[in-house]
Amino acid sequence: MNTTHYTYILASKRRGALFVGTTQDLGDCVQEHKANLVKGITSLYAIHLLVYYEVFRAAGPALLRQTELRRLHRRLKLHLIEQLNPDWHDLYDHLAHKTPITRQASG
């Protein structure tokens, strides 16, 4: 079954604490993080800014990318974010307007 899946990176601030996750509903997921409904590192360290995401057509590739990003050295994660979002804007606002500014990965 093909549905849209997202692998995303949240940050506490520019070059701050990072969190990598995967979801089927990026808007709702980010809202839950922003409201501290997700207990753990994101609520503990106020990691609420959506700074990067990729779109996939299936869960498998999204989960593989999540694992890949989590294992990636921090310096490389920062570089990845800054390539596509150099000012570290909160991309959550772009979701409401359906204007993604990151690359789309096929899955």
PDB file of N, CA and C in Angstrom:
ATOM      1  N   MET A   1       0.836  -1.189   0.000  1.00  0.00           N
ATOM      2  CA  MET A   1       0.000   0.000   0.000  1.00  0.00           C
ATOM      3  C   MET A   1       0.879   1.249   0.000  1.00  0.00           C
ATOM      4  N   ASN A   2       0.646   2.132  -0.929  1.00  0.00           N
ATOM      5  CA  ASN A   2       1.437   3.357  -1.031  1.00  0.00           C
ATOM      6  C   ASN A   2       0.731   4.514  -0.335  1.00  0.00           C
ATOM      7  N   THR A   3       1.392   5.070   0.652  1.00  0.00           N
ATOM      8  CA  THR A   3       0.935   6.276   1.321  1.00  0.00           C
ATOM      9  C   THR A   3       2.145   7.164   1.505  1.00  0.00           C
ATOM     10  N   THR A   4       1.904   8.412   1.806  1.00  0.00           N
ATOM     11  CA  THR A   4       3.006   9.334   1.994  1.00  0.00           C
ATOM     12  C   THR A   4       3.599   9.169   3.393  1.00  0.00           C
ATOM     13  N   HIS A   5       4.909   9.126   3.449  1.00  0.00           N
ATOM     14  CA  HIS A   5       5.647   9.056   4.712  1.00  0.00           C
ATOM     15  C   HIS A   5       6.717  10.135   4.694  1.00  0.00           C
ATOM     16  N   TYR A   6       7.064  10.589   5.864  1.00  0.00           N
ATOM     17  CA  TYR A   6       8.049  11.659   5.999  1.00  0.00           C
ATOM     18  C   TYR A   6       9.141  11.254   6.978  1.00  0.00           C
ATOM     19  N   THR A   7      10.355  11.587   6.647  1.00  0.00           N
ATOM     20  CA  THR A   7      11.465  11.537   7.582  1.00  0.00           C
ATOM     21  C   THR A   7      11.840  12.990   7.829  1.00  0.00           C
ATOM     22  N   TYR A   8      11.970  13.354   9.091  1.00  0.00           N
ATOM     23  CA  TYR A   8      12.120  14.767   9.423  1.00  0.00           C
ATOM     24  C   TYR A   8      13.183  14.987  10.491  1.00  0.00           C
ATOM     25  N   ILE A   9      13.649  16.230  10.562  1.00  0.00           N
ATOM     26  CA  ILE A   9      14.572  16.638  11.617  1.00  0.00           C
ATOM     27  C   ILE A   9      13.980  17.853  12.315  1.00  0.00           C
ATOM     28  N   LEU A  10      13.890  17.765  13.638  1.00  0.00           N
ATOM     29  CA  LEU A  10      13.484  18.885  14.479  1.00  0.00           C
ATOM     30  C   LEU A  10      14.725  19.423  15.175  1.00  0.00           C
ATOM     31  N   ALA A  11      14.695  20.713  15.504  1.00  0.00           N
ATOM     32  CA  ALA A  11      15.811  21.340  16.214  1.00  0.00           C
ATOM     33  C   ALA A  11      15.275  22.221  17.333  1.00  0.00           C
ATOM     34  N   SER A  12      16.108  22.430  18.356  1.00  0.00           N
ATOM     35  CA  SER A  12      15.725  23.322  19.453  1.00  0.00           C
ATOM     36  C   SER A  12      15.965  24.777  19.065  1.00  0.00           C
ATOM     37  N   LYS A  13      16.960  24.998  18.233  1.00  0.00           N
ATOM     38  CA  LYS A  13      17.323  26.329  17.729  1.00  0.00           C
ATOM     39  C   LYS A  13      18.353  26.111  16.638  1.00  0.00           C
ATOM     40  N   ARG A  14      18.829  27.169  16.031  1.00  0.00           N
ATOM     41  CA  ARG A  14      19.868  27.058  15.008  1.00  0.00           C
ATOM     42  C   ARG A  14      21.081  26.338  15.600  1.00  0.00           C
ATOM     43  N   ARG A  15      21.460  25.246  14.970  1.00  0.00           N
ATOM     44  CA  ARG A  15      22.596  24.423  15.372  1.00  0.00           C
ATOM     45  C   ARG A  15      22.469  23.883  16.800  1.00  0.00           C
ATOM     46  N   GLY A  16      21.230  23.776  17.281  1.00  0.00           N
ATOM     47  CA  GLY A  16      20.965  23.272  18.626  1.00  0.00           C
ATOM     48  C   GLY A  16      20.778  21.764  18.645  1.00  0.00           C
ATOM     49  N   ALA A  17      20.046  21.293  19.654  1.00  0.00           N
ATOM     50  CA  ALA A  17      19.752  19.870  19.790  1.00  0.00           C
ATOM     51  C   ALA A  17      18.876  19.424  18.624  1.00  0.00           C
ATOM     52  N   LEU A  18      19.111  18.200  18.132  1.00  0.00           N
ATOM     53  CA  LEU A  18      18.394  17.670  16.977  1.00  0.00           C
ATOM     54  C   LEU A  18      17.651  16.393  17.333  1.00  0.00           C
ATOM     55  N   PHE A  19      16.555  16.153  16.610  1.00  0.00           N
ATOM     56  CA  PHE A  19      15.791  14.918  16.737  1.00  0.00           C
ATOM     57  C   PHE A  19      15.392  14.477  15.339  1.00  0.00           C
ATOM     58  N   VAL A  20      15.560  13.202  15.025  1.00  0.00           N
ATOM     59  CA  VAL A  20      15.183  12.638  13.726  1.00  0.00           C
ATOM     60  C   VAL A  20      14.022  11.677  13.945  1.00  0.00           C
ATOM     61  N   GLY A  21      12.980  11.808  13.129  1.00  0.00           N
ATOM     62  CA  GLY A  21      11.827  10.925  13.255  1.00  0.00           C
ATOM     63  C   GLY A  21      11.206  10.615  11.911  1.00  0.00           C
ATOM     64  N   THR A  22      10.162   9.768  11.948  1.00  0.00           N
ATOM     65  CA  THR A  22       9.410   9.372  10.763  1.00  0.00           C
ATOM     66  C   THR A  22       7.934   9.383  11.116  1.00  0.00           C
ATOM     67  N   THR A  23       7.102   9.802  10.170  1.00  0.00           N
ATOM     68  CA  THR A  23       5.662   9.849  10.405  1.00  0.00           C
ATOM     69  C   THR A  23       4.898   9.778   9.091  1.00  0.00           C
ATOM     70  N   GLN A  24       3.605   9.504   9.179  1.00  0.00           N
ATOM     71  CA  GLN A  24       2.729   9.561   8.009  1.00  0.00           C
ATOM     72  C   GLN A  24       2.051  10.914   7.899  1.00  0.00           C
ATOM     73  N   ASP A  25       1.919  11.630   8.999  1.00  0.00           N
ATOM     74  CA  ASP A  25       1.245  12.929   9.001  1.00  0.00           C
ATOM     75  C   ASP A  25       2.174  13.955   9.640  1.00  0.00           C
ATOM     76  N   LEU A  26       2.952  14.616   8.815  1.00  0.00           N
ATOM     77  CA  LEU A  26       3.980  15.522   9.318  1.00  0.00           C
ATOM     78  C   LEU A  26       3.387  16.700  10.078  1.00  0.00           C
ATOM     79  N   GLY A  27       2.302  17.258   9.584  1.00  0.00           N
ATOM     80  CA  GLY A  27       1.690  18.398  10.257  1.00  0.00           C
ATOM     81  C   GLY A  27       1.237  18.067  11.665  1.00  0.00           C
ATOM     82  N   ASP A  28       0.484  16.970  11.817  1.00  0.00           N
ATOM     83  CA  ASP A  28       0.018  16.564  13.144  1.00  0.00           C
ATOM     84  C   ASP A  28       1.175  16.187  14.053  1.00  0.00           C
ATOM     85  N   CYS A  29       2.149  15.512  13.499  1.00  0.00           N
ATOM     86  CA  CYS A  29       3.305  15.086  14.289  1.00  0.00           C
ATOM     87  C   CYS A  29       4.056  16.289  14.861  1.00  0.00           C
ATOM     88  N   VAL A  30       4.311  17.285  14.034  1.00  0.00           N
ATOM     89  CA  VAL A  30       5.028  18.475  14.489  1.00  0.00           C
ATOM     90  C   VAL A  30       4.189  19.227  15.517  1.00  0.00           C
ATOM     91  N   GLN A  31       2.877  19.300  15.303  1.00  0.00           N
ATOM     92  CA  GLN A  31       1.989  19.944  16.282  1.00  0.00           C
ATOM     93  C   GLN A  31       2.113  19.262  17.641  1.00  0.00           C
ATOM     94  N   GLU A  32       2.148  17.943  17.646  1.00  0.00           N
ATOM     95  CA  GLU A  32       2.273  17.195  18.894  1.00  0.00           C
ATOM     96  C   GLU A  32       3.599  17.489  19.584  1.00  0.00           C
ATOM     97  N   HIS A  33       4.679  17.577  18.810  1.00  0.00           N
ATOM     98  CA  HIS A  33       5.977  17.933  19.395  1.00  0.00           C
ATOM     99  C   HIS A  33       5.929  19.346  19.967  1.00  0.00           C
ATOM    100  N   LYS A  34       5.359  20.293  19.219  1.00  0.00           N
ATOM    101  CA  LYS A  34       5.290  21.682  19.666  1.00  0.00           C
ATOM    102  C   LYS A  34       4.474  21.827  20.951  1.00  0.00           C
ATOM    103  N   ALA A  35       3.453  20.989  21.120  1.00  0.00           N
ATOM    104  CA  ALA A  35       2.597  21.033  22.303  1.00  0.00           C
ATOM    105  C   ALA A  35       3.137  20.167  23.441  1.00  0.00           C
ATOM    106  N   ASN A  36       4.340  19.606  23.256  1.00  0.00           N
ATOM    107  CA  ASN A  36       4.972  18.726  24.245  1.00  0.00           C
ATOM    108  C   ASN A  36       4.117  17.501  24.585  1.00  0.00           C
ATOM    109  N   LEU A  37       3.353  17.022  23.610  1.00  0.00           N
ATOM    110  CA  LEU A  37       2.562  15.814  23.807  1.00  0.00           C
ATOM    111  C   LEU A  37       3.399  14.562  23.607  1.00  0.00           C
ATOM    112  N   VAL A  38       4.543  14.709  22.967  1.00  0.00           N
ATOM    113  CA  VAL A  38       5.467  13.592  22.767  1.00  0.00           C
ATOM    114  C   VAL A  38       6.486  13.665  23.900  1.00  0.00           C
ATOM    115  N   LYS A  39       6.370  12.766  24.840  1.00  0.00           N
ATOM    116  CA  LYS A  39       7.273  12.776  25.991  1.00  0.00           C
ATOM    117  C   LYS A  39       8.636  12.227  25.587  1.00  0.00           C
ATOM    118  N   GLY A  40       9.669  12.824  26.116  1.00  0.00           N
ATOM    119  CA  GLY A  40      11.021  12.387  25.804  1.00  0.00           C
ATOM    120  C   GLY A  40      11.913  13.561  25.508  1.00  0.00           C
ATOM    121  N   ILE A  41      12.899  13.325  24.667  1.00  0.00           N
ATOM    122  CA  ILE A  41      13.933  14.326  24.400  1.00  0.00           C
ATOM    123  C   ILE A  41      13.365  15.604  23.790  1.00  0.00           C
ATOM    124  N   THR A  42      12.342  15.492  22.930  1.00  0.00           N
ATOM    125  CA  THR A  42      11.829  16.696  22.273  1.00  0.00           C
ATOM    126  C   THR A  42      11.125  17.623  23.261  1.00  0.00           C
ATOM    127  N   SER A  43      10.403  17.072  24.212  1.00  0.00           N
ATOM    128  CA  SER A  43       9.751  17.926  25.207  1.00  0.00           C
ATOM    129  C   SER A  43      10.740  18.390  26.269  1.00  0.00           C
ATOM    130  N   LEU A  44      11.690  17.550  26.612  1.00  0.00           N
ATOM    131  CA  LEU A  44      12.681  17.888  27.640  1.00  0.00           C
ATOM    132  C   LEU A  44      13.572  19.050  27.215  1.00  0.00           C
ATOM    133  N   TYR A  45      13.976  19.068  25.937  1.00  0.00           N
ATOM    134  CA  TYR A  45      14.899  20.084  25.442  1.00  0.00           C
ATOM    135  C   TYR A  45      14.253  21.078  24.468  1.00  0.00           C
ATOM    136  N   ALA A  46      12.913  21.138  24.440  1.00  0.00           N
ATOM    137  CA  ALA A  46      12.169  22.064  23.580  1.00  0.00           C
ATOM    138  C   ALA A  46      12.631  21.987  22.115  1.00  0.00           C
ATOM    139  N   ILE A  47      12.670  20.774  21.602  1.00  0.00           N
ATOM    140  CA  ILE A  47      13.065  20.533  20.214  1.00  0.00           C
ATOM    141  C   ILE A  47      11.785  20.556  19.380  1.00  0.00           C
ATOM    142  N   HIS A  48      11.430  21.747  18.881  1.00  0.00           N
ATOM    143  CA  HIS A  48      10.131  21.944  18.252  1.00  0.00           C
ATOM    144  C   HIS A  48      10.174  22.512  16.841  1.00  0.00           C
ATOM    145  N   LEU A  49      11.327  22.902  16.355  1.00  0.00           N
ATOM    146  CA  LEU A  49      11.412  23.533  15.041  1.00  0.00           C
ATOM    147  C   LEU A  49      11.623  22.489  13.949  1.00  0.00           C
ATOM    148  N   LEU A  50      10.722  22.450  12.989  1.00  0.00           N
ATOM    149  CA  LEU A  50      10.883  21.558  11.840  1.00  0.00           C
ATOM    150  C   LEU A  50      11.860  22.227  10.878  1.00  0.00           C
ATOM    151  N   VAL A  51      13.069  21.683  10.795  1.00  0.00           N
ATOM    152  CA  VAL A  51      14.108  22.325   9.985  1.00  0.00           C
ATOM    153  C   VAL A  51      14.434  21.557   8.706  1.00  0.00           C
ATOM    154  N   TYR A  52      13.942  20.322   8.580  1.00  0.00           N
ATOM    155  CA  TYR A  52      14.264  19.512   7.407  1.00  0.00           C
ATOM    156  C   TYR A  52      13.269  18.360   7.321  1.00  0.00           C
ATOM    157  N   TYR A  53      12.861  18.016   6.101  1.00  0.00           N
ATOM    158  CA  TYR A  53      12.087  16.793   5.920  1.00  0.00           C
ATOM    159  C   TYR A  53      12.220  16.282   4.491  1.00  0.00           C
ATOM    160  N   GLU A  54      11.973  15.001   4.352  1.00  0.00           N
ATOM    161  CA  GLU A  54      11.972  14.337   3.053  1.00  0.00           C
ATOM    162  C   GLU A  54      10.664  13.570   2.926  1.00  0.00           C
ATOM    163  N   VAL A  55      10.174  13.440   1.702  1.00  0.00           N
ATOM    164  CA  VAL A  55       8.902  12.788   1.417  1.00  0.00           C
ATOM    165  C   VAL A  55       9.159  11.452   0.736  1.00  0.00           C
ATOM    166  N   PHE A  56       8.434  10.408   1.182  1.00  0.00           N
ATOM    167  CA  PHE A  56       8.561   9.068   0.616  1.00  0.00           C
ATOM    168  C   PHE A  56       7.177   8.514   0.296  1.00  0.00           C
ATOM    169  N   ARG A  57       7.117   7.591  -0.635  1.00  0.00           N
ATOM    170  CA  ARG A  57       5.847   6.967  -1.021  1.00  0.00           C
ATOM    171  C   ARG A  57       5.535   5.703  -0.234  1.00  0.00           C
ATOM    172  N   ALA A  58       6.472   5.251   0.585  1.00  0.00           N
ATOM    173  CA  ALA A  58       6.256   4.032   1.363  1.00  0.00           C
ATOM    174  C   ALA A  58       7.006   4.121   2.682  1.00  0.00           C
ATOM    175  N   ALA A  59       6.570   3.330   3.645  1.00  0.00           N
ATOM    176  CA  ALA A  59       7.161   3.362   4.984  1.00  0.00           C
ATOM    177  C   ALA A  59       8.596   2.838   5.008  1.00  0.00           C
ATOM    178  N   GLY A  60       8.871   1.791   4.258  1.00  0.00           N
ATOM    179  CA  GLY A  60      10.193   1.164   4.292  1.00  0.00           C
ATOM    180  C   GLY A  60      11.333   2.122   4.013  1.00  0.00           C
ATOM    181  N   PRO A  61      11.306   2.812   2.889  1.00  0.00           N
ATOM    182  CA  PRO A  61      12.379   3.759   2.597  1.00  0.00           C
ATOM    183  C   PRO A  61      12.464   4.900   3.613  1.00  0.00           C
ATOM    184  N   ALA A  62      11.328   5.345   4.130  1.00  0.00           N
ATOM    185  CA  ALA A  62      11.336   6.416   5.129  1.00  0.00           C
ATOM    186  C   ALA A  62      12.028   5.953   6.409  1.00  0.00           C
ATOM    187  N   LEU A  63      11.734   4.738   6.826  1.00  0.00           N
ATOM    188  CA  LEU A  63      12.371   4.190   8.029  1.00  0.00           C
ATOM    189  C   LEU A  63      13.868   3.964   7.823  1.00  0.00           C
ATOM    190  N   LEU A  64      14.241   3.509   6.629  1.00  0.00           N
ATOM    191  CA  LEU A  64      15.664   3.340   6.325  1.00  0.00           C
ATOM    192  C   LEU A  64      16.391   4.683   6.364  1.00  0.00           C
ATOM    193  N   ARG A  65      15.752   5.711   5.817  1.00  0.00           N
ATOM    194  CA  ARG A  65      16.365   7.044   5.831  1.00  0.00           C
ATOM    195  C   ARG A  65      16.469   7.580   7.256  1.00  0.00           C
ATOM    196  N   GLN A  66      15.458   7.310   8.078  1.00  0.00           N
ATOM    197  CA  GLN A  66      15.514   7.722   9.484  1.00  0.00           C
ATOM    198  C   GLN A  66      16.730   7.096  10.169  1.00  0.00           C
ATOM    199  N   THR A  67      16.914   5.815   9.965  1.00  0.00           N
ATOM    200  CA  THR A  67      18.063   5.115  10.555  1.00  0.00           C
ATOM    201  C   THR A  67      19.368   5.713  10.043  1.00  0.00           C
ATOM    202  N   GLU A  68      19.419   5.971   8.746  1.00  0.00           N
ATOM    203  CA  GLU A  68      20.621   6.558   8.143  1.00  0.00           C
ATOM    204  C   GLU A  68      20.929   7.931   8.753  1.00  0.00           C
ATOM    205  N   LEU A  69      19.906   8.765   8.876  1.00  0.00           N
ATOM    206  CA  LEU A  69      20.118  10.102   9.435  1.00  0.00           C
ATOM    207  C   LEU A  69      20.510  10.046  10.912  1.00  0.00           C
ATOM    208  N   ARG A  70      19.911   9.143  11.655  1.00  0.00           N
ATOM    209  CA  ARG A  70      20.254   9.026  13.079  1.00  0.00           C
ATOM    210  C   ARG A  70      21.714   8.603  13.268  1.00  0.00           C
ATOM    211  N   ARG A  71      22.198   7.798  12.357  1.00  0.00           N
ATOM    212  CA  ARG A  71      23.592   7.330  12.453  1.00  0.00           C
ATOM    213  C   ARG A  71      24.593   8.334  11.896  1.00  0.00           C
ATOM    214  N   LEU A  72      24.099   9.300  11.152  1.00  0.00           N
ATOM    215  CA  LEU A  72      24.951  10.298  10.517  1.00  0.00           C
ATOM    216  C   LEU A  72      25.608  11.196  11.568  1.00  0.00           C
ATOM    217  N   HIS A  73      26.863  11.507  11.373  1.00  0.00           N
ATOM    218  CA  HIS A  73      27.577  12.410  12.279  1.00  0.00           C
ATOM    219  C   HIS A  73      26.853  13.751  12.331  1.00  0.00           C
ATOM    220  N   ARG A  74      26.817  14.357  13.497  1.00  0.00           N
ATOM    221  CA  ARG A  74      26.120  15.630  13.704  1.00  0.00           C
ATOM    222  C   ARG A  74      26.537  16.691  12.677  1.00  0.00           C
ATOM    223  N   ARG A  75      27.816  16.790  12.417  1.00  0.00           N
ATOM    224  CA  ARG A  75      28.329  17.776  11.452  1.00  0.00           C
ATOM    225  C   ARG A  75      27.672  17.597  10.088  1.00  0.00           C
ATOM    226  N   LEU A  76      27.459  16.368   9.679  1.00  0.00           N
ATOM    227  CA  LEU A  76      26.843  16.091   8.386  1.00  0.00           C
ATOM    228  C   LEU A  76      25.344  16.397   8.401  1.00  0.00           C
ATOM    229  N   LYS A  77      24.685  16.167   9.544  1.00  0.00           N
ATOM    230  CA  LYS A  77      23.273  16.542   9.666  1.00  0.00           C
ATOM    231  C   LYS A  77      23.127  18.054   9.549  1.00  0.00           C
ATOM    232  N   LEU A  78      24.000  18.789  10.216  1.00  0.00           N
ATOM    233  CA  LEU A  78      23.953  20.251  10.146  1.00  0.00           C
ATOM    234  C   LEU A  78      24.156  20.719   8.707  1.00  0.00           C
ATOM    235  N   HIS A  79      25.086  20.100   8.015  1.00  0.00           N
ATOM    236  CA  HIS A  79      25.354  20.454   6.612  1.00  0.00           C
ATOM    237  C   HIS A  79      24.128  20.167   5.745  1.00  0.00           C
ATOM    238  N   LEU A  80      23.483  19.029   5.957  1.00  0.00           N
ATOM    239  CA  LEU A  80      22.293  18.657   5.202  1.00  0.00           C
ATOM    240  C   LEU A  80      21.184  19.696   5.411  1.00  0.00           C
ATOM    241  N   ILE A  81      20.954  20.068   6.649  1.00  0.00           N
ATOM    242  CA  ILE A  81      19.933  21.080   6.961  1.00  0.00           C
ATOM    243  C   ILE A  81      20.282  22.400   6.281  1.00  0.00           C
ATOM    244  N   GLU A  82      21.524  22.824   6.426  1.00  0.00           N
ATOM    245  CA  GLU A  82      21.923  24.144   5.930  1.00  0.00           C
ATOM    246  C   GLU A  82      21.987  24.228   4.407  1.00  0.00           C
ATOM    247  N   GLN A  83      22.101  23.090   3.735  1.00  0.00           N
ATOM    248  CA  GLN A  83      22.049  23.095   2.271  1.00  0.00           C
ATOM    249  C   GLN A  83      20.677  23.535   1.773  1.00  0.00           C
ATOM    250  N   LEU A  84      19.628  23.076   2.444  1.00  0.00           N
ATOM    251  CA  LEU A  84      18.271  23.328   1.978  1.00  0.00           C
ATOM    252  C   LEU A  84      17.509  24.343   2.827  1.00  0.00           C
ATOM    253  N   ASN A  85      17.993  24.616   4.009  1.00  0.00           N
ATOM    254  CA  ASN A  85      17.331  25.560   4.907  1.00  0.00           C
ATOM    255  C   ASN A  85      18.410  26.360   5.641  1.00  0.00           C
ATOM    256  N   PRO A  86      19.175  27.168   4.918  1.00  0.00           N
ATOM    257  CA  PRO A  86      20.346  27.831   5.508  1.00  0.00           C
ATOM    258  C   PRO A  86      20.025  28.781   6.658  1.00  0.00           C
ATOM    259  N   ASP A  87      18.802  29.308   6.702  1.00  0.00           N
ATOM    260  CA  ASP A  87      18.436  30.228   7.778  1.00  0.00           C
ATOM    261  C   ASP A  87      17.709  29.539   8.925  1.00  0.00           C
ATOM    262  N   TRP A  88      17.584  28.227   8.847  1.00  0.00           N
ATOM    263  CA  TRP A  88      16.961  27.430   9.896  1.00  0.00           C
ATOM    264  C   TRP A  88      15.535  27.902  10.182  1.00  0.00           C
ATOM    265  N   HIS A  89      14.777  28.199   9.129  1.00  0.00           N
ATOM    266  CA  HIS A  89      13.382  28.574   9.306  1.00  0.00           C
ATOM    267  C   HIS A  89      12.594  27.369   9.797  1.00  0.00           C
ATOM    268  N   ASP A  90      11.544  27.626  10.560  1.00  0.00           N
ATOM    269  CA  ASP A  90      10.631  26.566  10.972  1.00  0.00           C
ATOM    270  C   ASP A  90       9.754  26.248   9.766  1.00  0.00           C
ATOM    271  N   LEU A  91       9.924  25.093   9.182  1.00  0.00           N
ATOM    272  CA  LEU A  91       9.217  24.708   7.964  1.00  0.00           C
ATOM    273  C   LEU A  91       7.767  24.322   8.222  1.00  0.00           C
ATOM    274  N   TYR A  92       7.378  24.284   9.467  1.00  0.00           N
ATOM    275  CA  TYR A  92       5.996  23.952   9.805  1.00  0.00           C
ATOM    276  C   TYR A  92       5.023  24.892   9.094  1.00  0.00           C
ATOM    277  N   ASP A  93       5.368  26.168   9.007  1.00  0.00           N
ATOM    278  CA  ASP A  93       4.511  27.146   8.337  1.00  0.00           C
ATOM    279  C   ASP A  93       4.354  26.817   6.849  1.00  0.00           C
ATOM    280  N   HIS A  94       5.368  26.252   6.241  1.00  0.00           N
ATOM    281  CA  HIS A  94       5.306  25.882   4.828  1.00  0.00           C
ATOM    282  C   HIS A  94       4.339  24.722   4.595  1.00  0.00           C
ATOM    283  N   LEU A  95       4.150  23.881   5.616  1.00  0.00           N
ATOM    284  CA  LEU A  95       3.243  22.743   5.464  1.00  0.00           C
ATOM    285  C   LEU A  95       1.809  23.217   5.239  1.00  0.00           C
ATOM    286  N   ALA A  96       1.399  24.234   5.980  1.00  0.00           N
ATOM    287  CA  ALA A  96       0.042  24.755   5.851  1.00  0.00           C
ATOM    288  C   ALA A  96      -0.199  25.340   4.462  1.00  0.00           C
ATOM    289  N   HIS A  97       0.852  25.880   3.858  1.00  0.00           N
ATOM    290  CA  HIS A  97       0.729  26.478   2.531  1.00  0.00           C
ATOM    291  C   HIS A  97       1.119  25.505   1.420  1.00  0.00           C
ATOM    292  N   LYS A  98       1.450  24.281   1.798  1.00  0.00           N
ATOM    293  CA  LYS A  98       1.836  23.245   0.828  1.00  0.00           C
ATOM    294  C   LYS A  98       2.987  23.687  -0.051  1.00  0.00           C
ATOM    295  N   THR A  99       3.990  24.309   0.555  1.00  0.00           N
ATOM    296  CA  THR A  99       5.142  24.779  -0.209  1.00  0.00           C
ATOM    297  C   THR A  99       6.425  24.174   0.367  1.00  0.00           C
ATOM    298  N   PRO A 100       6.634  22.881   0.178  1.00  0.00           N
ATOM    299  CA  PRO A 100       7.859  22.279   0.700  1.00  0.00           C
ATOM    300  C   PRO A 100       9.083  22.891   0.035  1.00  0.00           C
ATOM    301  N   ILE A 101      10.136  23.083   0.827  1.00  0.00           N
ATOM    302  CA  ILE A 101      11.345  23.670   0.258  1.00  0.00           C
ATOM    303  C   ILE A 101      12.501  22.679   0.290  1.00  0.00           C
ATOM    304  N   THR A 102      12.212  21.407   0.606  1.00  0.00           N
ATOM    305  CA  THR A 102      13.265  20.402   0.613  1.00  0.00           C
ATOM    306  C   THR A 102      13.057  19.470  -0.564  1.00  0.00           C
ATOM    307  N   ARG A 103      14.067  18.674  -0.817  1.00  0.00           N
ATOM    308  CA  ARG A 103      13.992  17.746  -1.949  1.00  0.00           C
ATOM    309  C   ARG A 103      12.998  16.648  -1.637  1.00  0.00           C
ATOM    310  N   GLN A 104      12.424  16.065  -2.667  1.00  0.00           N
ATOM    311  CA  GLN A 104      11.556  14.931  -2.509  1.00  0.00           C
ATOM    312  C   GLN A 104      12.334  13.679  -2.852  1.00  0.00           C
ATOM    313  N   ALA A 105      12.346  12.742  -1.939  1.00  0.00           N
ATOM    314  CA  ALA A 105      13.032  11.475  -2.175  1.00  0.00           C
ATOM    315  C   ALA A 105      12.010  10.448  -2.614  1.00  0.00           C
ATOM    316  N   SER A 106      12.335   9.679  -3.612  1.00  0.00           N
ATOM    317  CA  SER A 106      11.407   8.641  -4.057  1.00  0.00           C
ATOM    318  C   SER A 106      11.639   7.372  -3.265  1.00  0.00           C
ATOM    319  N   GLY A 107      10.617   6.636  -3.059  1.00  0.00           N
ATOM    320  CA  GLY A 107      10.741   5.449  -2.249  1.00  0.00           C
ATOM    321  C   GLY A 107      10.046   4.268  -2.786  1.00  0.00           C
TER     322      GLY A 107
END
